[in-house]
Amino acid sequence: MADLLRKPSGTSGLVHAITPKDAGWTYVGFDLWRLTAGEVAEGLLHGREAILVLVEGHANITAAGQDFGKMGDRLDVFERTAPHCLYVPPAAPWRAVATSNCTLAVCSAPSAGGRSAQVLGPDGITLEERGKGTNTRHINNIAMEGRDVADSLLVTEVFTPAGHWSSYPPHRHDEDDFPRITHLEETYYHRVNPGDCYGIQRVYTDDLRLDETMAPANHDVVLVPKGHHPCAAPYGVEMYYLNVMAGPRRNWRFAMDPAFAHLAG
């Protein structure tokens, strides 16, 4: 087993603390905080930039010596409204004080620094539709390469309707051969509705030396070090995931599983 499915350590506080060393890779880090009103999350990363994503709930946030005030809008991630997000440069302390039940994701990757702390959403984020038929899903592009808002990080949210597929057709981004393909590590933070259900995700390489099929539940994280990584929402179950990607360069280029080439276009 490749230890790709990570369960939260509990139901409150810092429930995920995934570092590159822990994941066995080089670039992506992912923390998740679950707070009640009055509880605090804070951090400081040397040599690494961060994007704070208020998955749901409200919090008063300070970072890099600035007070950004109350952030957050949706109380339930499945409202599908644009998230409130904040870019935090390396070596800049940040602090979030929850003013309601709050889920806060901390996405991180290497950075030489030089950028300022910056609010990234909800302004500038519009829900987009991708795919067709039962491959239709809805995307909030928080920090993909079309937005010059980070040095390494690529971050996006995806809402997959019940009975639909996502990250599909199967594709991989595990070679550093731009512009054909880029090497990007990736994490998936999963949510499902109803919350006691689960989704399905497979991570596999063309030679099947890595081939894991998992059933991520609410608040689980799936690591994608390489290979194809499609996921599916069962009938009657909505799926949300927050993607964090980073690699040697901030570009997303991928190669499709040849078996599914007839679905291209």
C-alpha atoms as a PDB file:
ATOM      1  CA  MET A   1       0.000   0.000   0.000  1.00  0.00           C
ATOM      2  CA  ALA A   2       1.247   3.470  -0.883  1.00  0.00           C
ATOM      3  CA  ASP A   3      -0.358   5.349   2.064  1.00  0.00           C
ATOM      4  CA  LEU A   4      -2.121   7.771  -0.250  1.00  0.00           C
ATOM      5  CA  LEU A   5      -5.375   8.071   1.736  1.00  0.00           C
ATOM      6  CA  ARG A   6      -4.942  10.270   4.795  1.00  0.00           C
ATOM      7  CA  LYS A   7      -7.631  10.341   7.485  1.00  0.00           C
ATOM      8  CA  PRO A   8      -8.031  13.387   9.746  1.00  0.00           C
ATOM      9  CA  SER A   9      -6.483  13.057  13.184  1.00  0.00           C
ATOM     10  CA  GLY A  10      -9.696  14.201  14.875  1.00  0.00           C
ATOM     11  CA  THR A  11     -12.689  16.480  14.492  1.00  0.00           C
ATOM     12  CA  SER A  12     -11.250  19.738  15.847  1.00  0.00           C
ATOM     13  CA  GLY A  13      -8.044  21.744  15.758  1.00  0.00           C
ATOM     14  CA  LEU A  14      -5.278  20.886  13.306  1.00  0.00           C
ATOM     15  CA  VAL A  15      -6.657  17.678  11.777  1.00  0.00           C
ATOM     16  CA  HIS A  16      -4.245  17.402   8.819  1.00  0.00           C
ATOM     17  CA  ALA A  17      -0.575  18.437   8.821  1.00  0.00           C
ATOM     18  CA  ILE A  18       0.883  17.034   5.608  1.00  0.00           C
ATOM     19  CA  THR A  19       4.451  18.177   4.973  1.00  0.00           C
ATOM     20  CA  PRO A  20       6.576  17.290   1.928  1.00  0.00           C
ATOM     21  CA  LYS A  21       8.688  15.011   4.158  1.00  0.00           C
ATOM     22  CA  ASP A  22       5.596  13.255   5.480  1.00  0.00           C
ATOM     23  CA  ALA A  23       4.210  12.823   1.956  1.00  0.00           C
ATOM     24  CA  GLY A  24       7.551  11.579   0.590  1.00  0.00           C
ATOM     25  CA  TRP A  25       7.846  14.289  -2.031  1.00  0.00           C
ATOM     26  CA  THR A  26       9.312  17.775  -2.543  1.00  0.00           C
ATOM     27  CA  TYR A  27       6.813  20.578  -3.023  1.00  0.00           C
ATOM     28  CA  VAL A  28       3.234  20.422  -1.705  1.00  0.00           C
ATOM     29  CA  GLY A  29       2.193  20.918   1.905  1.00  0.00           C
ATOM     30  CA  PHE A  30      -1.385  20.846   3.201  1.00  0.00           C
ATOM     31  CA  ASP A  31      -2.807  21.641   6.632  1.00  0.00           C
ATOM     32  CA  LEU A  32      -6.453  21.661   7.644  1.00  0.00           C
ATOM     33  CA  TRP A  33      -7.907  23.363  10.699  1.00  0.00           C
ATOM     34  CA  ARG A  34     -11.433  22.777  12.043  1.00  0.00           C
ATOM     35  CA  LEU A  35     -12.356  25.466  14.551  1.00  0.00           C
ATOM     36  CA  THR A  36     -15.306  26.621  16.612  1.00  0.00           C
ATOM     37  CA  ALA A  37     -15.998  30.285  17.385  1.00  0.00           C
ATOM     38  CA  GLY A  38     -13.149  31.782  19.416  1.00  0.00           C
ATOM     39  CA  GLU A  39     -10.584  29.118  18.523  1.00  0.00           C
ATOM     40  CA  VAL A  40      -7.324  30.132  16.848  1.00  0.00           C
ATOM     41  CA  ALA A  41      -5.199  28.794  14.004  1.00  0.00           C
ATOM     42  CA  GLU A  42      -1.794  30.291  13.276  1.00  0.00           C
ATOM     43  CA  GLY A  43       1.437  29.592  11.498  1.00  0.00           C
ATOM     44  CA  LEU A  44       4.642  30.807   9.890  1.00  0.00           C
ATOM     45  CA  LEU A  45       6.449  29.078   7.035  1.00  0.00           C
ATOM     46  CA  HIS A  46      10.079  29.771   6.144  1.00  0.00           C
ATOM     47  CA  GLY A  47      10.910  29.396   2.459  1.00  0.00           C
ATOM     48  CA  ARG A  48       7.313  28.528   1.639  1.00  0.00           C
ATOM     49  CA  GLU A  49       4.347  30.556   0.432  1.00  0.00           C
ATOM     50  CA  ALA A  50       0.818  29.742   1.558  1.00  0.00           C
ATOM     51  CA  ILE A  51      -2.714  30.280   0.362  1.00  0.00           C
ATOM     52  CA  LEU A  52      -5.301  30.216   3.130  1.00  0.00           C
ATOM     53  CA  VAL A  53      -8.690  28.997   1.895  1.00  0.00           C
ATOM     54  CA  LEU A  54     -11.746  29.478   4.088  1.00  0.00           C
ATOM     55  CA  VAL A  55     -13.536  26.322   3.022  1.00  0.00           C
ATOM     56  CA  GLU A  56     -16.480  27.328   5.176  1.00  0.00           C
ATOM     57  CA  GLY A  57     -17.234  29.621   8.074  1.00  0.00           C
ATOM     58  CA  HIS A  58     -15.913  33.010   9.183  1.00  0.00           C
ATOM     59  CA  ALA A  59     -12.658  34.144  10.780  1.00  0.00           C
ATOM     60  CA  ASN A  60     -10.765  37.341  11.549  1.00  0.00           C
ATOM     61  CA  ILE A  61      -7.385  37.017   9.824  1.00  0.00           C
ATOM     62  CA  THR A  62      -4.094  38.844  10.177  1.00  0.00           C
ATOM     63  CA  ALA A  63      -0.997  38.111   8.093  1.00  0.00           C
ATOM     64  CA  ALA A  64       2.350  39.770   7.433  1.00  0.00           C
ATOM     65  CA  GLY A  65       1.491  42.511   9.913  1.00  0.00           C
ATOM     66  CA  GLN A  66      -1.789  43.401   8.205  1.00  0.00           C
ATOM     67  CA  ASP A  67      -5.313  43.027   9.539  1.00  0.00           C
ATOM     68  CA  PHE A  68      -7.594  41.644   6.824  1.00  0.00           C
ATOM     69  CA  GLY A  69     -10.628  41.703   9.089  1.00  0.00           C
ATOM     70  CA  LYS A  70     -13.474  39.236   8.918  1.00  0.00           C
ATOM     71  CA  MET A  71     -13.173  36.789   6.019  1.00  0.00           C
ATOM     72  CA  GLY A  72     -15.473  34.011   4.891  1.00  0.00           C
ATOM     73  CA  ASP A  73     -18.965  33.840   3.466  1.00  0.00           C
ATOM     74  CA  ARG A  74     -20.408  30.380   2.957  1.00  0.00           C
ATOM     75  CA  LEU A  75     -21.273  28.377   6.046  1.00  0.00           C
ATOM     76  CA  ASP A  76     -21.563  25.157   4.023  1.00  0.00           C
ATOM     77  CA  VAL A  77     -19.070  24.375   1.265  1.00  0.00           C
ATOM     78  CA  PHE A  78     -21.863  22.964  -0.905  1.00  0.00           C
ATOM     79  CA  GLU A  79     -23.373  26.437  -1.265  1.00  0.00           C
ATOM     80  CA  ARG A  80     -20.845  26.646  -4.150  1.00  0.00           C
ATOM     81  CA  THR A  81     -20.175  30.348  -3.686  1.00  0.00           C
ATOM     82  CA  ALA A  82     -16.657  31.656  -4.292  1.00  0.00           C
ATOM     83  CA  PRO A  83     -14.273  31.125  -1.364  1.00  0.00           C
ATOM     84  CA  HIS A  84     -12.478  33.824   0.611  1.00  0.00           C
ATOM     85  CA  CYS A  85      -8.720  33.224   0.212  1.00  0.00           C
ATOM     86  CA  LEU A  86      -5.509  34.952   1.267  1.00  0.00           C
ATOM     87  CA  TYR A  87      -1.956  34.692  -0.097  1.00  0.00           C
ATOM     88  CA  VAL A  88       0.724  34.695   2.622  1.00  0.00           C
ATOM     89  CA  PRO A  89       4.400  35.127   1.605  1.00  0.00           C
ATOM     90  CA  PRO A  90       7.258  33.130   3.155  1.00  0.00           C
ATOM     91  CA  ALA A  91       8.376  34.004   6.692  1.00  0.00           C
ATOM     92  CA  ALA A  92       5.180  36.000   7.312  1.00  0.00           C
ATOM     93  CA  PRO A  93       3.196  35.018  10.419  1.00  0.00           C
ATOM     94  CA  TRP A  94      -0.549  34.580  10.028  1.00  0.00           C
ATOM     95  CA  ARG A  95      -3.359  34.139  12.536  1.00  0.00           C
ATOM     96  CA  ALA A  96      -7.038  33.266  12.152  1.00  0.00           C
ATOM     97  CA  VAL A  97      -9.585  33.654  14.954  1.00  0.00           C
ATOM     98  CA  ALA A  98     -12.805  31.812  14.127  1.00  0.00           C
ATOM     99  CA  THR A  99     -16.030  33.784  14.567  1.00  0.00           C
ATOM    100  CA  SER A 100     -18.193  30.770  13.670  1.00  0.00           C
ATOM    101  CA  ASN A 101     -17.587  27.099  13.038  1.00  0.00           C
ATOM    102  CA  CYS A 102     -14.782  27.316  10.515  1.00  0.00           C
ATOM    103  CA  THR A 103     -12.791  25.032   8.198  1.00  0.00           C
ATOM    104  CA  LEU A 104      -9.503  26.580   7.097  1.00  0.00           C
ATOM    105  CA  ALA A 105      -7.116  25.001   4.583  1.00  0.00           C
ATOM    106  CA  VAL A 106      -3.455  26.026   4.420  1.00  0.00           C
ATOM    107  CA  CYS A 107      -1.936  25.211   1.027  1.00  0.00           C
ATOM    108  CA  SER A 108       1.846  25.657   0.773  1.00  0.00           C
ATOM    109  CA  ALA A 109       4.790  25.261  -1.582  1.00  0.00           C
ATOM    110  CA  PRO A 110       8.364  26.582  -1.969  1.00  0.00           C
ATOM    111  CA  SER A 111       8.884  30.261  -2.737  1.00  0.00           C
ATOM    112  CA  ALA A 112      11.849  32.635  -2.831  1.00  0.00           C
ATOM    113  CA  GLY A 113       9.591  35.407  -1.553  1.00  0.00           C
ATOM    114  CA  GLY A 114       9.031  38.918  -2.820  1.00  0.00           C
ATOM    115  CA  ARG A 115       5.245  38.991  -3.033  1.00  0.00           C
ATOM    116  CA  SER A 116       2.984  40.774  -0.589  1.00  0.00           C
ATOM    117  CA  ALA A 117       0.097  39.318   1.363  1.00  0.00           C
ATOM    118  CA  GLN A 118      -2.957  39.581  -0.873  1.00  0.00           C
ATOM    119  CA  VAL A 119      -6.661  38.733  -0.772  1.00  0.00           C
ATOM    120  CA  LEU A 120      -7.394  36.311  -3.644  1.00  0.00           C
ATOM    121  CA  GLY A 121     -11.128  35.797  -3.319  1.00  0.00           C
ATOM    122  CA  PRO A 122     -14.047  35.902  -3.595  1.00  0.00           C
ATOM    123  CA  ASP A 123     -13.468  38.752  -6.078  1.00  0.00           C
ATOM    124  CA  GLY A 124     -11.867  37.376  -9.227  1.00  0.00           C
ATOM    125  CA  ILE A 125     -13.235  33.854  -8.749  1.00  0.00           C
ATOM    126  CA  THR A 126     -16.179  32.751 -10.893  1.00  0.00           C
ATOM    127  CA  LEU A 127     -17.739  29.282 -10.870  1.00  0.00           C
ATOM    128  CA  GLU A 128     -17.023  27.690 -14.258  1.00  0.00           C
ATOM    129  CA  GLU A 129     -18.520  24.585 -15.847  1.00  0.00           C
ATOM    130  CA  ARG A 130     -16.193  21.945 -17.289  1.00  0.00           C
ATOM    131  CA  GLY A 131     -16.900  18.708 -19.155  1.00  0.00           C
ATOM    132  CA  LYS A 132     -20.158  17.368 -20.546  1.00  0.00           C
ATOM    133  CA  GLY A 133     -22.730  14.732 -19.685  1.00  0.00           C
ATOM    134  CA  THR A 134     -21.845  12.830 -16.521  1.00  0.00           C
ATOM    135  CA  ASN A 135     -18.355  14.331 -16.762  1.00  0.00           C
ATOM    136  CA  THR A 136     -19.735  17.812 -15.975  1.00  0.00           C
ATOM    137  CA  ARG A 137     -18.328  19.502 -12.879  1.00  0.00           C
ATOM    138  CA  HIS A 138     -17.956  23.072 -11.607  1.00  0.00           C
ATOM    139  CA  ILE A 139     -14.658  24.836 -10.909  1.00  0.00           C
ATOM    140  CA  ASN A 140     -13.552  27.734  -8.700  1.00  0.00           C
ATOM    141  CA  ASN A 141     -10.094  28.677 -10.000  1.00  0.00           C
ATOM    142  CA  ILE A 142      -8.452  30.174  -6.918  1.00  0.00           C
ATOM    143  CA  ALA A 143      -4.854  30.301  -8.138  1.00  0.00           C
ATOM    144  CA  MET A 144      -4.325  28.497 -11.423  1.00  0.00           C
ATOM    145  CA  GLU A 145      -1.644  29.736 -13.815  1.00  0.00           C
ATOM    146  CA  GLY A 146      -3.956  32.284 -15.444  1.00  0.00           C
ATOM    147  CA  ARG A 147      -3.751  34.290 -12.194  1.00  0.00           C
ATOM    148  CA  ASP A 148      -0.246  35.523 -11.408  1.00  0.00           C
ATOM    149  CA  VAL A 149      -0.729  35.352  -7.659  1.00  0.00           C
ATOM    150  CA  ALA A 150       1.904  32.826  -6.493  1.00  0.00           C
ATOM    151  CA  ASP A 151       5.383  31.549  -7.266  1.00  0.00           C
ATOM    152  CA  SER A 152       4.683  27.797  -7.054  1.00  0.00           C
ATOM    153  CA  LEU A 153       1.146  27.135  -5.886  1.00  0.00           C
ATOM    154  CA  LEU A 154      -1.744  26.083  -8.101  1.00  0.00           C
ATOM    155  CA  VAL A 155      -5.009  25.860  -6.159  1.00  0.00           C
ATOM    156  CA  THR A 156      -8.559  25.142  -7.296  1.00  0.00           C
ATOM    157  CA  GLU A 157     -11.921  23.924  -5.978  1.00  0.00           C
ATOM    158  CA  VAL A 158     -14.107  21.405  -7.807  1.00  0.00           C
ATOM    159  CA  PHE A 159     -17.771  20.538  -7.220  1.00  0.00           C
ATOM    160  CA  THR A 160     -18.816  17.218  -8.750  1.00  0.00           C
ATOM    161  CA  PRO A 161     -22.577  16.554  -8.973  1.00  0.00           C
ATOM    162  CA  ALA A 162     -23.983  13.251  -7.740  1.00  0.00           C
ATOM    163  CA  GLY A 163     -23.388  10.426 -10.193  1.00  0.00           C
ATOM    164  CA  HIS A 164     -20.661  12.309 -12.095  1.00  0.00           C
ATOM    165  CA  TRP A 165     -16.951  11.770 -12.718  1.00  0.00           C
ATOM    166  CA  SER A 166     -14.173  14.289 -12.129  1.00  0.00           C
ATOM    167  CA  SER A 167     -10.444  14.589 -12.898  1.00  0.00           C
ATOM    168  CA  TYR A 168     -11.620  12.612 -15.892  1.00  0.00           C
ATOM    169  CA  PRO A 169     -10.757  11.402 -18.492  1.00  0.00           C
ATOM    170  CA  PRO A 170      -7.839   9.991 -16.484  1.00  0.00           C
ATOM    171  CA  HIS A 171      -4.716  12.121 -16.823  1.00  0.00           C
ATOM    172  CA  ARG A 172      -1.301  12.482 -15.245  1.00  0.00           C
ATOM    173  CA  HIS A 173       1.201  15.310 -14.702  1.00  0.00           C
ATOM    174  CA  ASP A 174       4.314  13.525 -13.481  1.00  0.00           C
ATOM    175  CA  GLU A 175       7.073  14.402 -15.976  1.00  0.00           C
ATOM    176  CA  ASP A 176       9.071  17.617 -16.241  1.00  0.00           C
ATOM    177  CA  ASP A 177       8.858  18.023 -20.034  1.00  0.00           C
ATOM    178  CA  PHE A 178       7.204  21.396 -20.644  1.00  0.00           C
ATOM    179  CA  PRO A 179       5.223  22.236 -22.731  1.00  0.00           C
ATOM    180  CA  ARG A 180       4.149  18.613 -23.340  1.00  0.00           C
ATOM    181  CA  ILE A 181       3.641  17.781 -19.656  1.00  0.00           C
ATOM    182  CA  THR A 182       4.670  19.171 -16.268  1.00  0.00           C
ATOM    183  CA  HIS A 183       5.607  17.504 -13.002  1.00  0.00           C
ATOM    184  CA  LEU A 184       3.103  18.484 -10.312  1.00  0.00           C
ATOM    185  CA  GLU A 185       2.494  16.831  -6.959  1.00  0.00           C
ATOM    186  CA  GLU A 186      -1.136  17.096  -5.899  1.00  0.00           C
ATOM    187  CA  THR A 187      -3.401  16.751  -2.884  1.00  0.00           C
ATOM    188  CA  TYR A 188      -7.181  16.290  -2.886  1.00  0.00           C
ATOM    189  CA  TYR A 189      -9.092  17.427   0.191  1.00  0.00           C
ATOM    190  CA  HIS A 190     -12.470  15.707  -0.090  1.00  0.00           C
ATOM    191  CA  ARG A 191     -15.929  16.603   1.171  1.00  0.00           C
ATOM    192  CA  VAL A 192     -19.108  14.660   0.460  1.00  0.00           C
ATOM    193  CA  ASN A 193     -22.803  15.427   0.877  1.00  0.00           C
ATOM    194  CA  PRO A 194     -24.415  13.633   2.719  1.00  0.00           C
ATOM    195  CA  GLY A 195     -21.481  13.774   5.075  1.00  0.00           C
ATOM    196  CA  ASP A 196     -21.585  10.119   6.126  1.00  0.00           C
ATOM    197  CA  CYS A 197     -21.118   8.862   2.547  1.00  0.00           C
ATOM    198  CA  TYR A 198     -17.952   8.494   0.460  1.00  0.00           C
ATOM    199  CA  GLY A 199     -16.556   8.954  -3.032  1.00  0.00           C
ATOM    200  CA  ILE A 200     -14.171   6.875  -5.123  1.00  0.00           C
ATOM    201  CA  GLN A 201     -10.686   7.794  -6.359  1.00  0.00           C
ATOM    202  CA  ARG A 202      -8.110   5.711  -8.181  1.00  0.00           C
ATOM    203  CA  VAL A 203      -4.413   6.645  -8.483  1.00  0.00           C
ATOM    204  CA  TYR A 204      -2.443   4.558 -10.971  1.00  0.00           C
ATOM    205  CA  THR A 205       0.535   4.697 -13.325  1.00  0.00           C
ATOM    206  CA  ASP A 206       0.555   3.402 -16.891  1.00  0.00           C
ATOM    207  CA  ASP A 207       2.631   0.376 -15.851  1.00  0.00           C
ATOM    208  CA  LEU A 208       0.354  -0.203 -12.789  1.00  0.00           C
ATOM    209  CA  ARG A 209       3.318  -0.311 -10.414  1.00  0.00           C
ATOM    210  CA  LEU A 210       1.232   2.190  -8.504  1.00  0.00           C
ATOM    211  CA  ASP A 211      -2.439   1.221  -8.500  1.00  0.00           C
ATOM    212  CA  GLU A 212      -4.587   2.249  -5.535  1.00  0.00           C
ATOM    213  CA  THR A 213      -8.379   2.600  -5.435  1.00  0.00           C
ATOM    214  CA  MET A 214      -9.701   4.436  -2.392  1.00  0.00           C
ATOM    215  CA  ALA A 215     -13.026   5.529  -0.898  1.00  0.00           C
ATOM    216  CA  PRO A 216     -12.352   9.016   0.500  1.00  0.00           C
ATOM    217  CA  ALA A 217     -14.868  10.168   3.095  1.00  0.00           C
ATOM    218  CA  ASN A 218     -15.599  13.610   4.533  1.00  0.00           C
ATOM    219  CA  HIS A 219     -12.373  15.520   5.383  1.00  0.00           C
ATOM    220  CA  ASP A 220     -10.062  12.829   3.956  1.00  0.00           C
ATOM    221  CA  VAL A 221      -7.031  13.822   1.872  1.00  0.00           C
ATOM    222  CA  VAL A 222      -5.712  11.813  -1.084  1.00  0.00           C
ATOM    223  CA  LEU A 223      -2.073  12.218  -2.157  1.00  0.00           C
ATOM    224  CA  VAL A 224      -1.209  12.037  -5.855  1.00  0.00           C
ATOM    225  CA  PRO A 225       2.589  11.725  -6.219  1.00  0.00           C
ATOM    226  CA  LYS A 226       2.305  10.521  -9.825  1.00  0.00           C
ATOM    227  CA  GLY A 227      -0.033   8.758 -12.217  1.00  0.00           C
ATOM    228  CA  HIS A 228      -3.636   9.184 -13.286  1.00  0.00           C
ATOM    229  CA  HIS A 229      -6.136  10.116 -10.576  1.00  0.00           C
ATOM    230  CA  PRO A 230      -9.836  10.089 -11.621  1.00  0.00           C
ATOM    231  CA  CYS A 231     -12.571  10.252  -9.003  1.00  0.00           C
ATOM    232  CA  ALA A 232     -16.309   9.631  -8.955  1.00  0.00           C
ATOM    233  CA  ALA A 233     -19.300  10.784  -6.932  1.00  0.00           C
ATOM    234  CA  PRO A 234     -21.761   7.914  -6.364  1.00  0.00           C
ATOM    235  CA  TYR A 235     -25.425   8.285  -7.223  1.00  0.00           C
ATOM    236  CA  GLY A 236     -27.038  10.519  -4.606  1.00  0.00           C
ATOM    237  CA  VAL A 237     -23.724  11.914  -3.282  1.00  0.00           C
ATOM    238  CA  GLU A 238     -22.251  15.318  -4.129  1.00  0.00           C
ATOM    239  CA  MET A 239     -18.459  15.581  -4.040  1.00  0.00           C
ATOM    240  CA  TYR A 240     -16.253  18.606  -3.370  1.00  0.00           C
ATOM    241  CA  TYR A 241     -12.495  18.677  -3.429  1.00  0.00           C
ATOM    242  CA  LEU A 242      -9.801  21.302  -2.960  1.00  0.00           C
ATOM    243  CA  ASN A 243      -6.757  20.677  -5.141  1.00  0.00           C
ATOM    244  CA  VAL A 244      -3.249  21.860  -4.305  1.00  0.00           C
ATOM    245  CA  MET A 245      -0.520  21.385  -6.917  1.00  0.00           C
ATOM    246  CA  ALA A 246       3.119  22.431  -7.130  1.00  0.00           C
ATOM    247  CA  GLY A 247       6.266  21.350  -8.922  1.00  0.00           C
ATOM    248  CA  PRO A 248       9.411  22.660 -10.634  1.00  0.00           C
ATOM    249  CA  ARG A 249       7.395  25.184 -12.644  1.00  0.00           C
ATOM    250  CA  ARG A 250       3.971  26.811 -12.212  1.00  0.00           C
ATOM    251  CA  ASN A 251       2.273  25.341 -15.267  1.00  0.00           C
ATOM    252  CA  TRP A 252      -0.411  22.648 -15.534  1.00  0.00           C
ATOM    253  CA  ARG A 253       0.146  20.392 -18.538  1.00  0.00           C
ATOM    254  CA  PHE A 254      -0.977  16.776 -18.549  1.00  0.00           C
ATOM    255  CA  ALA A 255      -1.091  13.565 -20.577  1.00  0.00           C
ATOM    256  CA  MET A 256      -4.248  11.483 -20.884  1.00  0.00           C
ATOM    257  CA  ASP A 257      -4.401   7.725 -20.314  1.00  0.00           C
ATOM    258  CA  PRO A 258      -4.115   6.367 -23.888  1.00  0.00           C
ATOM    259  CA  ALA A 259      -7.008   3.979 -23.244  1.00  0.00           C
ATOM    260  CA  PHE A 260      -9.282   7.017 -22.960  1.00  0.00           C
ATOM    261  CA  ALA A 261      -7.889   8.950 -25.938  1.00  0.00           C
ATOM    262  CA  HIS A 262     -11.215   8.543 -27.773  1.00  0.00           C
ATOM    263  CA  LEU A 263     -12.728  10.962 -25.224  1.00  0.00           C
ATOM    264  CA  ALA A 264     -10.327  13.807 -26.052  1.00  0.00           C
ATOM    265  CA  GLY A 265     -11.704  17.005 -27.518  1.00  0.00           C
END
